[in-house]
Amino acid sequence: MATATRPRAIASGLVLTAACMTALLVPASACADALRCGSKLITDGDTQEKVLQYCGEPVAKKRTWITRQPRFEYGGREIPFEGSEDVPVDLWTYDFGSSKLMRRIRFVAGKVDSIETLEHGTNR
């Protein structure tokens, strides 16, 4: 009887190992995109000023507006409260040349919300 439970124990150990390895991979795929400008890194939450300082002027800018719940920043966290406010949504496109992919940064209220990878750039 001891030999019959041994294969089950090995199989359950393999399942547990596979589940743990899968759990380790999930956070990596859930990470936000980032943009490298020289030796500097741009990530979610960075300001427009920081992006301009590290990456320079974009080749294209577009601004729209959205209405959202107001919020204030306290201790590094945004805390929402009642009401509504209009905030700018800026799209900045960077073209780093034909050998690299272009990138589009979406800012909401002046902070990086997302970074998108586009097609290859152009000869500048």
PDB file of N, CA and C in Angstrom:
ATOM      1  N   MET A   1       0.811  -1.198   0.000  1.00  0.00           N
ATOM      2  CA  MET A   1       0.000   0.000   0.000  1.00  0.00           C
ATOM      3  C   MET A   1       0.855   1.263   0.000  1.00  0.00           C
ATOM      4  N   ALA A   2       2.020   1.205   0.584  1.00  0.00           N
ATOM      5  CA  ALA A   2       2.899   2.354   0.624  1.00  0.00           C
ATOM      6  C   ALA A   2       3.369   2.722  -0.772  1.00  0.00           C
ATOM      7  N   THR A   3       3.529   1.711  -1.661  1.00  0.00           N
ATOM      8  CA  THR A   3       3.968   2.001  -3.026  1.00  0.00           C
ATOM      9  C   THR A   3       2.866   2.643  -3.846  1.00  0.00           C
ATOM     10  N   ALA A   4       1.596   2.402  -3.527  1.00  0.00           N
ATOM     11  CA  ALA A   4       0.479   2.994  -4.268  1.00  0.00           C
ATOM     12  C   ALA A   4       0.353   4.486  -3.956  1.00  0.00           C
ATOM     13  N   THR A   5       0.662   4.900  -2.743  1.00  0.00           N
ATOM     14  CA  THR A   5       0.537   6.312  -2.388  1.00  0.00           C
ATOM     15  C   THR A   5       1.751   7.118  -2.843  1.00  0.00           C
ATOM     16  N   ARG A   6       2.871   6.442  -3.073  1.00  0.00           N
ATOM     17  CA  ARG A   6       4.075   7.166  -3.487  1.00  0.00           C
ATOM     18  C   ARG A   6       3.885   7.865  -4.843  1.00  0.00           C
ATOM     19  N   PRO A   7       3.349   7.222  -5.899  1.00  0.00           N
ATOM     20  CA  PRO A   7       3.150   7.944  -7.161  1.00  0.00           C
ATOM     21  C   PRO A   7       2.195   9.128  -7.012  1.00  0.00           C
ATOM     22  N   ARG A   8       1.163   8.960  -6.163  1.00  0.00           N
ATOM     23  CA  ARG A   8       0.249  10.085  -5.933  1.00  0.00           C
ATOM     24  C   ARG A   8       0.961  11.242  -5.258  1.00  0.00           C
ATOM     25  N   ALA A   9       1.828  10.962  -4.313  1.00  0.00           N
ATOM     26  CA  ALA A   9       2.569  12.009  -3.613  1.00  0.00           C
ATOM     27  C   ALA A   9       3.511  12.732  -4.577  1.00  0.00           C
ATOM     28  N   ILE A  10       4.147  11.968  -5.460  1.00  0.00           N
ATOM     29  CA  ILE A  10       5.041  12.583  -6.445  1.00  0.00           C
ATOM     30  C   ILE A  10       4.233  13.449  -7.402  1.00  0.00           C
ATOM     31  N   ALA A  11       3.097  12.938  -7.865  1.00  0.00           N
ATOM     32  CA  ALA A  11       2.251  13.698  -8.792  1.00  0.00           C
ATOM     33  C   ALA A  11       1.740  14.975  -8.144  1.00  0.00           C
ATOM     34  N   SER A  12       1.301  14.892  -6.877  1.00  0.00           N
ATOM     35  CA  SER A  12       0.803  16.101  -6.216  1.00  0.00           C
ATOM     36  C   SER A  12       1.937  17.091  -5.975  1.00  0.00           C
ATOM     37  N   GLY A  13       3.150  16.583  -5.748  1.00  0.00           N
ATOM     38  CA  GLY A  13       4.310  17.470  -5.601  1.00  0.00           C
ATOM     39  C   GLY A  13       4.634  18.189  -6.897  1.00  0.00           C
ATOM     40  N   LEU A  14       4.499  17.479  -8.019  1.00  0.00           N
ATOM     41  CA  LEU A  14       4.745  18.099  -9.324  1.00  0.00           C
ATOM     42  C   LEU A  14       3.693  19.166  -9.627  1.00  0.00           C
ATOM     43  N   VAL A  15       2.442  18.888  -9.288  1.00  0.00           N
ATOM     44  CA  VAL A  15       1.378  19.865  -9.502  1.00  0.00           C
ATOM     45  C   VAL A  15       1.630  21.110  -8.660  1.00  0.00           C
ATOM     46  N   LEU A  16       2.026  20.906  -7.413  1.00  0.00           N
ATOM     47  CA  LEU A  16       2.315  22.034  -6.523  1.00  0.00           C
ATOM     48  C   LEU A  16       3.495  22.855  -7.060  1.00  0.00           C
ATOM     49  N   THR A  17       4.525  22.174  -7.524  1.00  0.00           N
ATOM     50  CA  THR A  17       5.684  22.875  -8.097  1.00  0.00           C
ATOM     51  C   THR A  17       5.269  23.676  -9.321  1.00  0.00           C
ATOM     52  N   ALA A  18       4.468  23.090 -10.215  1.00  0.00           N
ATOM     53  CA  ALA A  18       4.011  23.792 -11.423  1.00  0.00           C
ATOM     54  C   ALA A  18       3.161  24.998 -11.048  1.00  0.00           C
ATOM     55  N   ALA A  19       2.308  24.845 -10.046  1.00  0.00           N
ATOM     56  CA  ALA A  19       1.456  25.960  -9.617  1.00  0.00           C
ATOM     57  C   ALA A  19       2.306  27.101  -9.048  1.00  0.00           C
ATOM     58  N   CYS A  20       3.315  26.774  -8.273  1.00  0.00           N
ATOM     59  CA  CYS A  20       4.192  27.804  -7.705  1.00  0.00           C
ATOM     60  C   CYS A  20       4.976  28.527  -8.793  1.00  0.00           C
ATOM     61  N   MET A  21       5.455  27.780  -9.791  1.00  0.00           N
ATOM     62  CA  MET A  21       6.206  28.398 -10.881  1.00  0.00           C
ATOM     63  C   MET A  21       5.299  29.321 -11.695  1.00  0.00           C
ATOM     64  N   THR A  22       4.065  28.904 -11.927  1.00  0.00           N
ATOM     65  CA  THR A  22       3.116  29.741 -12.655  1.00  0.00           C
ATOM     66  C   THR A  22       2.821  31.008 -11.876  1.00  0.00           C
ATOM     67  N   ALA A  23       2.661  30.901 -10.575  1.00  0.00           N
ATOM     68  CA  ALA A  23       2.386  32.072  -9.737  1.00  0.00           C
ATOM     69  C   ALA A  23       3.540  33.064  -9.794  1.00  0.00           C
ATOM     70  N   LEU A  24       4.751  32.566  -9.923  1.00  0.00           N
ATOM     71  CA  LEU A  24       5.905  33.461 -10.020  1.00  0.00           C
ATOM     72  C   LEU A  24       5.928  34.213 -11.345  1.00  0.00           C
ATOM     73  N   LEU A  25       5.372  33.643 -12.393  1.00  0.00           N
ATOM     74  CA  LEU A  25       5.370  34.282 -13.708  1.00  0.00           C
ATOM     75  C   LEU A  25       4.295  35.348 -13.850  1.00  0.00           C
ATOM     76  N   VAL A  26       3.204  35.246 -13.115  1.00  0.00           N
ATOM     77  CA  VAL A  26       2.088  36.181 -13.255  1.00  0.00           C
ATOM     78  C   VAL A  26       2.489  37.623 -12.971  1.00  0.00           C
ATOM     79  N   PRO A  27       3.175  37.946 -11.876  1.00  0.00           N
ATOM     80  CA  PRO A  27       3.530  39.341 -11.646  1.00  0.00           C
ATOM     81  C   PRO A  27       4.389  39.937 -12.759  1.00  0.00           C
ATOM     82  N   ALA A  28       5.259  39.146 -13.354  1.00  0.00           N
ATOM     83  CA  ALA A  28       6.100  39.673 -14.425  1.00  0.00           C
ATOM     84  C   ALA A  28       5.267  40.086 -15.626  1.00  0.00           C
ATOM     85  N   SER A  29       4.240  39.323 -15.960  1.00  0.00           N
ATOM     86  CA  SER A  29       3.425  39.676 -17.113  1.00  0.00           C
ATOM     87  C   SER A  29       2.458  40.804 -16.792  1.00  0.00           C
ATOM     88  N   ALA A  30       2.200  41.059 -15.526  1.00  0.00           N
ATOM     89  CA  ALA A  30       1.269  42.111 -15.137  1.00  0.00           C
ATOM     90  C   ALA A  30       1.959  43.463 -14.983  1.00  0.00           C
ATOM     91  N   CYS A  31       3.279  43.496 -15.123  1.00  0.00           N
ATOM     92  CA  CYS A  31       4.018  44.739 -14.960  1.00  0.00           C
ATOM     93  C   CYS A  31       3.677  45.715 -16.076  1.00  0.00           C
ATOM     94  N   ALA A  32       3.704  46.974 -15.739  1.00  0.00           N
ATOM     95  CA  ALA A  32       3.435  48.011 -16.723  1.00  0.00           C
ATOM     96  C   ALA A  32       4.620  48.154 -17.659  1.00  0.00           C
ATOM     97  N   ASP A  33       4.351  48.710 -18.837  1.00  0.00           N
ATOM     98  CA  ASP A  33       5.400  48.956 -19.803  1.00  0.00           C
ATOM     99  C   ASP A  33       6.249  50.129 -19.327  1.00  0.00           C
ATOM    100  N   ALA A  34       7.472  50.184 -19.791  1.00  0.00           N
ATOM    101  CA  ALA A  34       8.376  51.273 -19.437  1.00  0.00           C
ATOM    102  C   ALA A  34       9.065  51.757 -20.705  1.00  0.00           C
ATOM    103  N   LEU A  35       9.659  52.932 -20.623  1.00  0.00           N
ATOM    104  CA  LEU A  35      10.356  53.529 -21.757  1.00  0.00           C
ATOM    105  C   LEU A  35      11.733  53.964 -21.292  1.00  0.00           C
ATOM    106  N   ARG A  36      12.758  53.555 -22.031  1.00  0.00           N
ATOM    107  CA  ARG A  36      14.118  53.959 -21.701  1.00  0.00           C
ATOM    108  C   ARG A  36      14.527  55.103 -22.622  1.00  0.00           C
ATOM    109  N   CYS A  37      14.965  56.198 -22.023  1.00  0.00           N
ATOM    110  CA  CYS A  37      15.503  57.343 -22.756  1.00  0.00           C
ATOM    111  C   CYS A  37      16.941  57.508 -22.291  1.00  0.00           C
ATOM    112  N   GLY A  38      17.875  57.062 -23.125  1.00  0.00           N
ATOM    113  CA  GLY A  38      19.277  57.041 -22.706  1.00  0.00           C
ATOM    114  C   GLY A  38      19.432  56.050 -21.569  1.00  0.00           C
ATOM    115  N   SER A  39      19.940  56.510 -20.450  1.00  0.00           N
ATOM    116  CA  SER A  39      20.102  55.626 -19.287  1.00  0.00           C
ATOM    117  C   SER A  39      18.972  55.793 -18.282  1.00  0.00           C
ATOM    118  N   LYS A  40      17.988  56.621 -18.602  1.00  0.00           N
ATOM    119  CA  LYS A  40      16.871  56.902 -17.688  1.00  0.00           C
ATOM    120  C   LYS A  40      15.649  56.068 -18.064  1.00  0.00           C
ATOM    121  N   LEU A  41      14.838  55.734 -17.061  1.00  0.00           N
ATOM    122  CA  LEU A  41      13.651  54.914 -17.264  1.00  0.00           C
ATOM    123  C   LEU A  41      12.391  55.712 -16.926  1.00  0.00           C
ATOM    124  N   ILE A  42      11.402  55.659 -17.821  1.00  0.00           N
ATOM    125  CA  ILE A  42      10.107  56.299 -17.612  1.00  0.00           C
ATOM    126  C   ILE A  42       9.094  55.203 -17.321  1.00  0.00           C
ATOM    127  N   THR A  43       8.325  55.366 -16.241  1.00  0.00           N
ATOM    128  CA  THR A  43       7.324  54.372 -15.861  1.00  0.00           C
ATOM    129  C   THR A  43       6.031  55.069 -15.439  1.00  0.00           C
ATOM    130  N   ASP A  44       4.997  54.276 -15.181  1.00  0.00           N
ATOM    131  CA  ASP A  44       3.707  54.810 -14.747  1.00  0.00           C
ATOM    132  C   ASP A  44       3.882  55.731 -13.547  1.00  0.00           C
ATOM    133  N   GLY A  45       3.170  56.869 -13.581  1.00  0.00           N
ATOM    134  CA  GLY A  45       3.195  57.804 -12.471  1.00  0.00           C
ATOM    135  C   GLY A  45       4.209  58.930 -12.629  1.00  0.00           C
ATOM    136  N   ASP A  46       5.153  58.784 -13.579  1.00  0.00           N
ATOM    137  CA  ASP A  46       6.125  59.857 -13.793  1.00  0.00           C
ATOM    138  C   ASP A  46       5.428  61.088 -14.371  1.00  0.00           C
ATOM    139  N   THR A  47       5.974  62.254 -14.112  1.00  0.00           N
ATOM    140  CA  THR A  47       5.365  63.509 -14.551  1.00  0.00           C
ATOM    141  C   THR A  47       5.798  63.866 -15.972  1.00  0.00           C
ATOM    142  N   GLN A  48       5.040  64.765 -16.583  1.00  0.00           N
ATOM    143  CA  GLN A  48       5.397  65.260 -17.910  1.00  0.00           C
ATOM    144  C   GLN A  48       6.754  65.962 -17.873  1.00  0.00           C
ATOM    145  N   GLU A  49       7.028  66.664 -16.810  1.00  0.00           N
ATOM    146  CA  GLU A  49       8.306  67.368 -16.681  1.00  0.00           C
ATOM    147  C   GLU A  49       9.479  66.390 -16.706  1.00  0.00           C
ATOM    148  N   LYS A  50       9.330  65.273 -15.995  1.00  0.00           N
ATOM    149  CA  LYS A  50      10.387  64.272 -15.969  1.00  0.00           C
ATOM    150  C   LYS A  50      10.585  63.656 -17.349  1.00  0.00           C
ATOM    151  N   VAL A  51       9.482  63.374 -18.052  1.00  0.00           N
ATOM    152  CA  VAL A  51       9.573  62.798 -19.391  1.00  0.00           C
ATOM    153  C   VAL A  51      10.273  63.775 -20.336  1.00  0.00           C
ATOM    154  N   LEU A  52       9.908  65.059 -20.271  1.00  0.00           N
ATOM    155  CA  LEU A  52      10.568  66.069 -21.108  1.00  0.00           C
ATOM    156  C   LEU A  52      12.061  66.152 -20.796  1.00  0.00           C
ATOM    157  N   GLN A  53      12.402  66.112 -19.531  1.00  0.00           N
ATOM    158  CA  GLN A  53      13.801  66.194 -19.116  1.00  0.00           C
ATOM    159  C   GLN A  53      14.599  65.004 -19.636  1.00  0.00           C
ATOM    160  N   TYR A  54      14.052  63.801 -19.549  1.00  0.00           N
ATOM    161  CA  TYR A  54      14.783  62.598 -19.920  1.00  0.00           C
ATOM    162  C   TYR A  54      14.714  62.280 -21.407  1.00  0.00           C
ATOM    163  N   CYS A  55      13.568  62.556 -22.055  1.00  0.00           N
ATOM    164  CA  CYS A  55      13.353  62.127 -23.444  1.00  0.00           C
ATOM    165  C   CYS A  55      13.324  63.262 -24.449  1.00  0.00           C
ATOM    166  N   GLY A  56      13.218  64.504 -23.980  1.00  0.00           N
ATOM    167  CA  GLY A  56      13.124  65.630 -24.894  1.00  0.00           C
ATOM    168  C   GLY A  56      11.706  65.809 -25.419  1.00  0.00           C
ATOM    169  N   GLU A  57      11.577  66.689 -26.418  1.00  0.00           N
ATOM    170  CA  GLU A  57      10.269  66.981 -27.000  1.00  0.00           C
ATOM    171  C   GLU A  57       9.785  65.819 -27.863  1.00  0.00           C
ATOM    172  N   PRO A  58       8.515  65.457 -27.768  1.00  0.00           N
ATOM    173  CA  PRO A  58       7.969  64.419 -28.641  1.00  0.00           C
ATOM    174  C   PRO A  58       7.769  64.963 -30.056  1.00  0.00           C
ATOM    175  N   VAL A  59       7.618  64.054 -31.030  1.00  0.00           N
ATOM    176  CA  VAL A  59       7.373  64.497 -32.406  1.00  0.00           C
ATOM    177  C   VAL A  59       5.914  64.876 -32.609  1.00  0.00           C
ATOM    178  N   ALA A  60       5.029  64.391 -31.741  1.00  0.00           N
ATOM    179  CA  ALA A  60       3.603  64.724 -31.854  1.00  0.00           C
ATOM    180  C   ALA A  60       2.985  64.788 -30.467  1.00  0.00           C
ATOM    181  N   LYS A  61       2.048  65.736 -30.306  1.00  0.00           N
ATOM    182  CA  LYS A  61       1.296  65.881 -29.057  1.00  0.00           C
ATOM    183  C   LYS A  61      -0.177  66.039 -29.403  1.00  0.00           C
ATOM    184  N   LYS A  62      -1.025  65.424 -28.594  1.00  0.00           N
ATOM    185  CA  LYS A  62      -2.473  65.567 -28.762  1.00  0.00           C
ATOM    186  C   LYS A  62      -3.098  65.651 -27.380  1.00  0.00           C
ATOM    187  N   ARG A  63      -4.051  66.577 -27.195  1.00  0.00           N
ATOM    188  CA  ARG A  63      -4.701  66.728 -25.889  1.00  0.00           C
ATOM    189  C   ARG A  63      -6.212  66.581 -26.040  1.00  0.00           C
ATOM    190  N   THR A  64      -6.797  65.793 -25.150  1.00  0.00           N
ATOM    191  CA  THR A  64      -8.247  65.688 -24.997  1.00  0.00           C
ATOM    192  C   THR A  64      -8.546  65.839 -23.510  1.00  0.00           C
ATOM    193  N   TRP A  65      -9.808  65.770 -23.170  1.00  0.00           N
ATOM    194  CA  TRP A  65     -10.218  65.908 -21.767  1.00  0.00           C
ATOM    195  C   TRP A  65     -11.159  64.771 -21.398  1.00  0.00           C
ATOM    196  N   ILE A  66     -11.089  64.343 -20.136  1.00  0.00           N
ATOM    197  CA  ILE A  66     -12.047  63.375 -19.600  1.00  0.00           C
ATOM    198  C   ILE A  66     -12.614  63.937 -18.302  1.00  0.00           C
ATOM    199  N   THR A  67     -13.795  63.469 -17.955  1.00  0.00           N
ATOM    200  CA  THR A  67     -14.395  63.809 -16.668  1.00  0.00           C
ATOM    201  C   THR A  67     -14.247  62.588 -15.771  1.00  0.00           C
ATOM    202  N   ARG A  68     -13.731  62.809 -14.577  1.00  0.00           N
ATOM    203  CA  ARG A  68     -13.530  61.699 -13.635  1.00  0.00           C
ATOM    204  C   ARG A  68     -13.809  62.175 -12.221  1.00  0.00           C
ATOM    205  N   GLN A  69     -13.811  61.222 -11.321  1.00  0.00           N
ATOM    206  CA  GLN A  69     -13.990  61.528  -9.907  1.00  0.00           C
ATOM    207  C   GLN A  69     -12.747  62.261  -9.404  1.00  0.00           C
ATOM    208  N   PRO A  70     -12.914  63.371  -8.683  1.00  0.00           N
ATOM    209  CA  PRO A  70     -11.739  64.095  -8.177  1.00  0.00           C
ATOM    210  C   PRO A  70     -10.944  63.252  -7.192  1.00  0.00           C
ATOM    211  N   ARG A  71      -9.684  63.558  -7.087  1.00  0.00           N
ATOM    212  CA  ARG A  71      -8.823  62.839  -6.143  1.00  0.00           C
ATOM    213  C   ARG A  71      -7.685  63.739  -5.709  1.00  0.00           C
ATOM    214  N   PHE A  72      -7.142  63.432  -4.556  1.00  0.00           N
ATOM    215  CA  PHE A  72      -5.964  64.151  -4.095  1.00  0.00           C
ATOM    216  C   PHE A  72      -4.909  63.135  -3.709  1.00  0.00           C
ATOM    217  N   GLU A  73      -3.669  63.578  -3.736  1.00  0.00           N
ATOM    218  CA  GLU A  73      -2.565  62.690  -3.430  1.00  0.00           C
ATOM    219  C   GLU A  73      -2.150  62.872  -1.976  1.00  0.00           C
ATOM    220  N   TYR A  74      -2.031  61.744  -1.275  1.00  0.00           N
ATOM    221  CA  TYR A  74      -1.627  61.772   0.126  1.00  0.00           C
ATOM    222  C   TYR A  74      -0.768  60.542   0.383  1.00  0.00           C
ATOM    223  N   GLY A  75       0.447  60.761   0.809  1.00  0.00           N
ATOM    224  CA  GLY A  75       1.330  59.637   1.125  1.00  0.00           C
ATOM    225  C   GLY A  75       1.638  58.769  -0.078  1.00  0.00           C
ATOM    226  N   GLY A  76       1.692  59.372  -1.262  1.00  0.00           N
ATOM    227  CA  GLY A  76       1.992  58.611  -2.465  1.00  0.00           C
ATOM    228  C   GLY A  76       0.804  57.870  -3.054  1.00  0.00           C
ATOM    229  N   ARG A  77      -0.382  58.051  -2.472  1.00  0.00           N
ATOM    230  CA  ARG A  77      -1.593  57.384  -2.981  1.00  0.00           C
ATOM    231  C   ARG A  77      -2.600  58.431  -3.401  1.00  0.00           C
ATOM    232  N   GLU A  78      -3.397  58.112  -4.431  1.00  0.00           N
ATOM    233  CA  GLU A  78      -4.484  58.996  -4.842  1.00  0.00           C
ATOM    234  C   GLU A  78      -5.750  58.569  -4.114  1.00  0.00           C
ATOM    235  N   ILE A  79      -6.376  59.525  -3.443  1.00  0.00           N
ATOM    236  CA  ILE A  79      -7.582  59.237  -2.673  1.00  0.00           C
ATOM    237  C   ILE A  79      -8.746  59.973  -3.326  1.00  0.00           C
ATOM    238  N   PRO A  80      -9.733  59.228  -3.846  1.00  0.00           N
ATOM    239  CA  PRO A  80     -10.869  59.867  -4.510  1.00  0.00           C
ATOM    240  C   PRO A  80     -11.871  60.429  -3.507  1.00  0.00           C
ATOM    241  N   PHE A  81     -12.613  61.446  -3.959  1.00  0.00           N
ATOM    242  CA  PHE A  81     -13.711  61.971  -3.155  1.00  0.00           C
ATOM    243  C   PHE A  81     -14.850  62.335  -4.094  1.00  0.00           C
ATOM    244  N   GLU A  82     -16.006  62.688  -3.548  1.00  0.00           N
ATOM    245  CA  GLU A  82     -17.206  62.906  -4.348  1.00  0.00           C
ATOM    246  C   GLU A  82     -17.075  64.087  -5.305  1.00  0.00           C
ATOM    247  N   GLY A  83     -17.841  63.997  -6.385  1.00  0.00           N
ATOM    248  CA  GLY A  83     -17.885  65.071  -7.360  1.00  0.00           C
ATOM    249  C   GLY A  83     -17.342  64.618  -8.697  1.00  0.00           C
ATOM    250  N   SER A  84     -17.048  65.584  -9.555  1.00  0.00           N
ATOM    251  CA  SER A  84     -16.432  65.284 -10.844  1.00  0.00           C
ATOM    252  C   SER A  84     -15.515  66.436 -11.229  1.00  0.00           C
ATOM    253  N   GLU A  85     -14.511  66.117 -12.016  1.00  0.00           N
ATOM    254  CA  GLU A  85     -13.570  67.124 -12.482  1.00  0.00           C
ATOM    255  C   GLU A  85     -13.132  66.771 -13.897  1.00  0.00           C
ATOM    256  N   ASP A  86     -12.800  67.786 -14.679  1.00  0.00           N
ATOM    257  CA  ASP A  86     -12.249  67.584 -16.005  1.00  0.00           C
ATOM    258  C   ASP A  86     -10.733  67.599 -15.887  1.00  0.00           C
ATOM    259  N   VAL A  87     -10.105  66.568 -16.448  1.00  0.00           N
ATOM    260  CA  VAL A  87      -8.641  66.496 -16.420  1.00  0.00           C
ATOM    261  C   VAL A  87      -8.122  66.266 -17.841  1.00  0.00           C
ATOM    262  N   PRO A  88      -6.937  66.816 -18.133  1.00  0.00           N
ATOM    263  CA  PRO A  88      -6.379  66.625 -19.472  1.00  0.00           C
ATOM    264  C   PRO A  88      -5.819  65.220 -19.662  1.00  0.00           C
ATOM    265  N   VAL A  89      -5.983  64.722 -20.881  1.00  0.00           N
ATOM    266  CA  VAL A  89      -5.364  63.469 -21.306  1.00  0.00           C
ATOM    267  C   VAL A  89      -4.470  63.826 -22.485  1.00  0.00           C
ATOM    268  N   ASP A  90      -3.175  63.668 -22.316  1.00  0.00           N
ATOM    269  CA  ASP A  90      -2.201  64.007 -23.348  1.00  0.00           C
ATOM    270  C   ASP A  90      -1.587  62.745 -23.930  1.00  0.00           C
ATOM    271  N   LEU A  91      -1.465  62.709 -25.251  1.00  0.00           N
ATOM    272  CA  LEU A  91      -0.775  61.632 -25.948  1.00  0.00           C
ATOM    273  C   LEU A  91       0.475  62.217 -26.584  1.00  0.00           C
ATOM    274  N   TRP A  92       1.634  61.707 -26.184  1.00  0.00           N
ATOM    275  CA  TRP A  92       2.903  62.154 -26.745  1.00  0.00           C
ATOM    276  C   TRP A  92       3.522  60.981 -27.504  1.00  0.00           C
ATOM    277  N   THR A  93       3.944  61.238 -28.736  1.00  0.00           N
ATOM    278  CA  THR A  93       4.562  60.203 -29.552  1.00  0.00           C
ATOM    279  C   THR A  93       6.042  60.517 -29.732  1.00  0.00           C
ATOM    280  N   TYR A  94       6.870  59.515 -29.478  1.00  0.00           N
ATOM    281  CA  TYR A  94       8.314  59.640 -29.649  1.00  0.00           C
ATOM    282  C   TYR A  94       8.771  58.758 -30.794  1.00  0.00           C
ATOM    283  N   ASP A  95       9.569  59.338 -31.703  1.00  0.00           N
ATOM    284  CA  ASP A  95      10.139  58.632 -32.848  1.00  0.00           C
ATOM    285  C   ASP A  95      11.653  58.650 -32.668  1.00  0.00           C
ATOM    286  N   PHE A  96      12.220  57.488 -32.364  1.00  0.00           N
ATOM    287  CA  PHE A  96      13.651  57.388 -32.090  1.00  0.00           C
ATOM    288  C   PHE A  96      14.453  56.948 -33.313  1.00  0.00           C
ATOM    289  N   GLY A  97      13.837  57.012 -34.503  1.00  0.00           N
ATOM    290  CA  GLY A  97      14.530  56.651 -35.735  1.00  0.00           C
ATOM    291  C   GLY A  97      14.058  55.324 -36.299  1.00  0.00           C
ATOM    292  N   SER A  98      14.471  55.057 -37.542  1.00  0.00           N
ATOM    293  CA  SER A  98      13.958  53.892 -38.276  1.00  0.00           C
ATOM    294  C   SER A  98      14.414  52.551 -37.706  1.00  0.00           C
ATOM    295  N   SER A  99      15.469  52.526 -36.934  1.00  0.00           N
ATOM    296  CA  SER A  99      15.957  51.264 -36.368  1.00  0.00           C
ATOM    297  C   SER A  99      15.307  50.936 -35.028  1.00  0.00           C
ATOM    298  N   LYS A 100      14.456  51.832 -34.541  1.00  0.00           N
ATOM    299  CA  LYS A 100      13.798  51.604 -33.242  1.00  0.00           C
ATOM    300  C   LYS A 100      12.288  51.760 -33.385  1.00  0.00           C
ATOM    301  N   LEU A 101      11.561  51.213 -32.422  1.00  0.00           N
ATOM    302  CA  LEU A 101      10.108  51.334 -32.410  1.00  0.00           C
ATOM    303  C   LEU A 101       9.684  52.669 -31.805  1.00  0.00           C
ATOM    304  N   MET A 102       8.641  53.259 -32.382  1.00  0.00           N
ATOM    305  CA  MET A 102       8.104  54.493 -31.809  1.00  0.00           C
ATOM    306  C   MET A 102       7.335  54.140 -30.542  1.00  0.00           C
ATOM    307  N   ARG A 103       7.194  55.116 -29.660  1.00  0.00           N
ATOM    308  CA  ARG A 103       6.470  54.905 -28.406  1.00  0.00           C
ATOM    309  C   ARG A 103       5.470  56.027 -28.212  1.00  0.00           C
ATOM    310  N   ARG A 104       4.310  55.698 -27.661  1.00  0.00           N
ATOM    311  CA  ARG A 104       3.284  56.691 -27.345  1.00  0.00           C
ATOM    312  C   ARG A 104       3.020  56.638 -25.846  1.00  0.00           C
ATOM    313  N   ILE A 105       3.150  57.798 -25.214  1.00  0.00           N
ATOM    314  CA  ILE A 105       2.915  57.904 -23.767  1.00  0.00           C
ATOM    315  C   ILE A 105       1.584  58.599 -23.557  1.00  0.00           C
ATOM    316  N   ARG A 106       0.731  58.016 -22.725  1.00  0.00           N
ATOM    317  CA  ARG A 106      -0.555  58.616 -22.360  1.00  0.00           C
ATOM    318  C   ARG A 106      -0.442  59.164 -20.948  1.00  0.00           C
ATOM    319  N   PHE A 107      -0.688  60.476 -20.835  1.00  0.00           N
ATOM    320  CA  PHE A 107      -0.677  61.135 -19.534  1.00  0.00           C
ATOM    321  C   PHE A 107      -2.114  61.446 -19.133  1.00  0.00           C
ATOM    322  N   VAL A 108      -2.470  61.212 -17.900  1.00  0.00           N
ATOM    323  CA  VAL A 108      -3.748  61.648 -17.348  1.00  0.00           C
ATOM    324  C   VAL A 108      -3.418  62.577 -16.182  1.00  0.00           C
ATOM    325  N   ALA A 109      -3.914  63.801 -16.276  1.00  0.00           N
ATOM    326  CA  ALA A 109      -3.642  64.828 -15.261  1.00  0.00           C
ATOM    327  C   ALA A 109      -2.142  65.018 -15.042  1.00  0.00           C
ATOM    328  N   GLY A 110      -1.370  64.957 -16.130  1.00  0.00           N
ATOM    329  CA  GLY A 110       0.049  65.256 -16.054  1.00  0.00           C
ATOM    330  C   GLY A 110       0.960  64.129 -15.622  1.00  0.00           C
ATOM    331  N   LYS A 111       0.406  62.902 -15.442  1.00  0.00           N
ATOM    332  CA  LYS A 111       1.225  61.767 -15.019  1.00  0.00           C
ATOM    333  C   LYS A 111       1.082  60.623 -16.008  1.00  0.00           C
ATOM    334  N   VAL A 112       2.171  59.868 -16.216  1.00  0.00           N
ATOM    335  CA  VAL A 112       2.153  58.742 -17.142  1.00  0.00           C
ATOM    336  C   VAL A 112       1.107  57.729 -16.690  1.00  0.00           C
ATOM    337  N   ASP A 113       0.184  57.426 -17.608  1.00  0.00           N
ATOM    338  CA  ASP A 113      -0.863  56.443 -17.346  1.00  0.00           C
ATOM    339  C   ASP A 113      -0.559  55.134 -18.077  1.00  0.00           C
ATOM    340  N   SER A 114       0.004  55.245 -19.291  1.00  0.00           N
ATOM    341  CA  SER A 114       0.367  54.050 -20.044  1.00  0.00           C
ATOM    342  C   SER A 114       1.415  54.413 -21.087  1.00  0.00           C
ATOM    343  N   ILE A 115       2.140  53.378 -21.518  1.00  0.00           N
ATOM    344  CA  ILE A 115       3.164  53.536 -22.547  1.00  0.00           C
ATOM    345  C   ILE A 115       2.914  52.445 -23.584  1.00  0.00           C
ATOM    346  N   GLU A 116       2.744  52.870 -24.830  1.00  0.00           N
ATOM    347  CA  GLU A 116       2.393  51.954 -25.911  1.00  0.00           C
ATOM    348  C   GLU A 116       3.545  51.877 -26.912  1.00  0.00           C
ATOM    349  N   THR A 117       3.819  50.673 -27.402  1.00  0.00           N
ATOM    350  CA  THR A 117       4.824  50.471 -28.431  1.00  0.00           C
ATOM    351  C   THR A 117       4.137  50.483 -29.789  1.00  0.00           C
ATOM    352  N   LEU A 118       4.685  51.269 -30.725  1.00  0.00           N
ATOM    353  CA  LEU A 118       4.104  51.408 -32.062  1.00  0.00           C
ATOM    354  C   LEU A 118       5.037  50.764 -33.094  1.00  0.00           C
ATOM    355  N   GLU A 119       4.824  51.093 -34.366  1.00  0.00           N
ATOM    356  CA  GLU A 119       5.657  50.560 -35.451  1.00  0.00           C
ATOM    357  C   GLU A 119       7.029  51.237 -35.451  1.00  0.00           C
ATOM    358  N   HIS A 120       7.877  50.776 -36.369  1.00  0.00           N
ATOM    359  CA  HIS A 120       9.216  51.370 -36.486  1.00  0.00           C
ATOM    360  C   HIS A 120       9.109  52.845 -36.830  1.00  0.00           C
ATOM    361  N   GLY A 121      10.080  53.596 -36.366  1.00  0.00           N
ATOM    362  CA  GLY A 121      10.120  55.029 -36.610  1.00  0.00           C
ATOM    363  C   GLY A 121      10.524  55.347 -38.030  1.00  0.00           C
ATOM    364  N   THR A 122      10.718  56.606 -38.290  1.00  0.00           N
ATOM    365  CA  THR A 122      11.067  57.081 -39.623  1.00  0.00           C
ATOM    366  C   THR A 122      12.510  57.552 -39.645  1.00  0.00           C
ATOM    367  N   ASN A 123      13.039  57.724 -40.849  1.00  0.00           N
ATOM    368  CA  ASN A 123      14.376  58.323 -40.986  1.00  0.00           C
ATOM    369  C   ASN A 123      14.249  59.800 -40.688  1.00  0.00           C
ATOM    370  N   ARG A 124      14.969  60.273 -39.715  1.00  0.00           N
ATOM    371  CA  ARG A 124      14.862  61.688 -39.349  1.00  0.00           C
ATOM    372  C   ARG A 124      16.043  62.454 -39.800  1.00  0.00           C
TER     373      ARG A 124
END
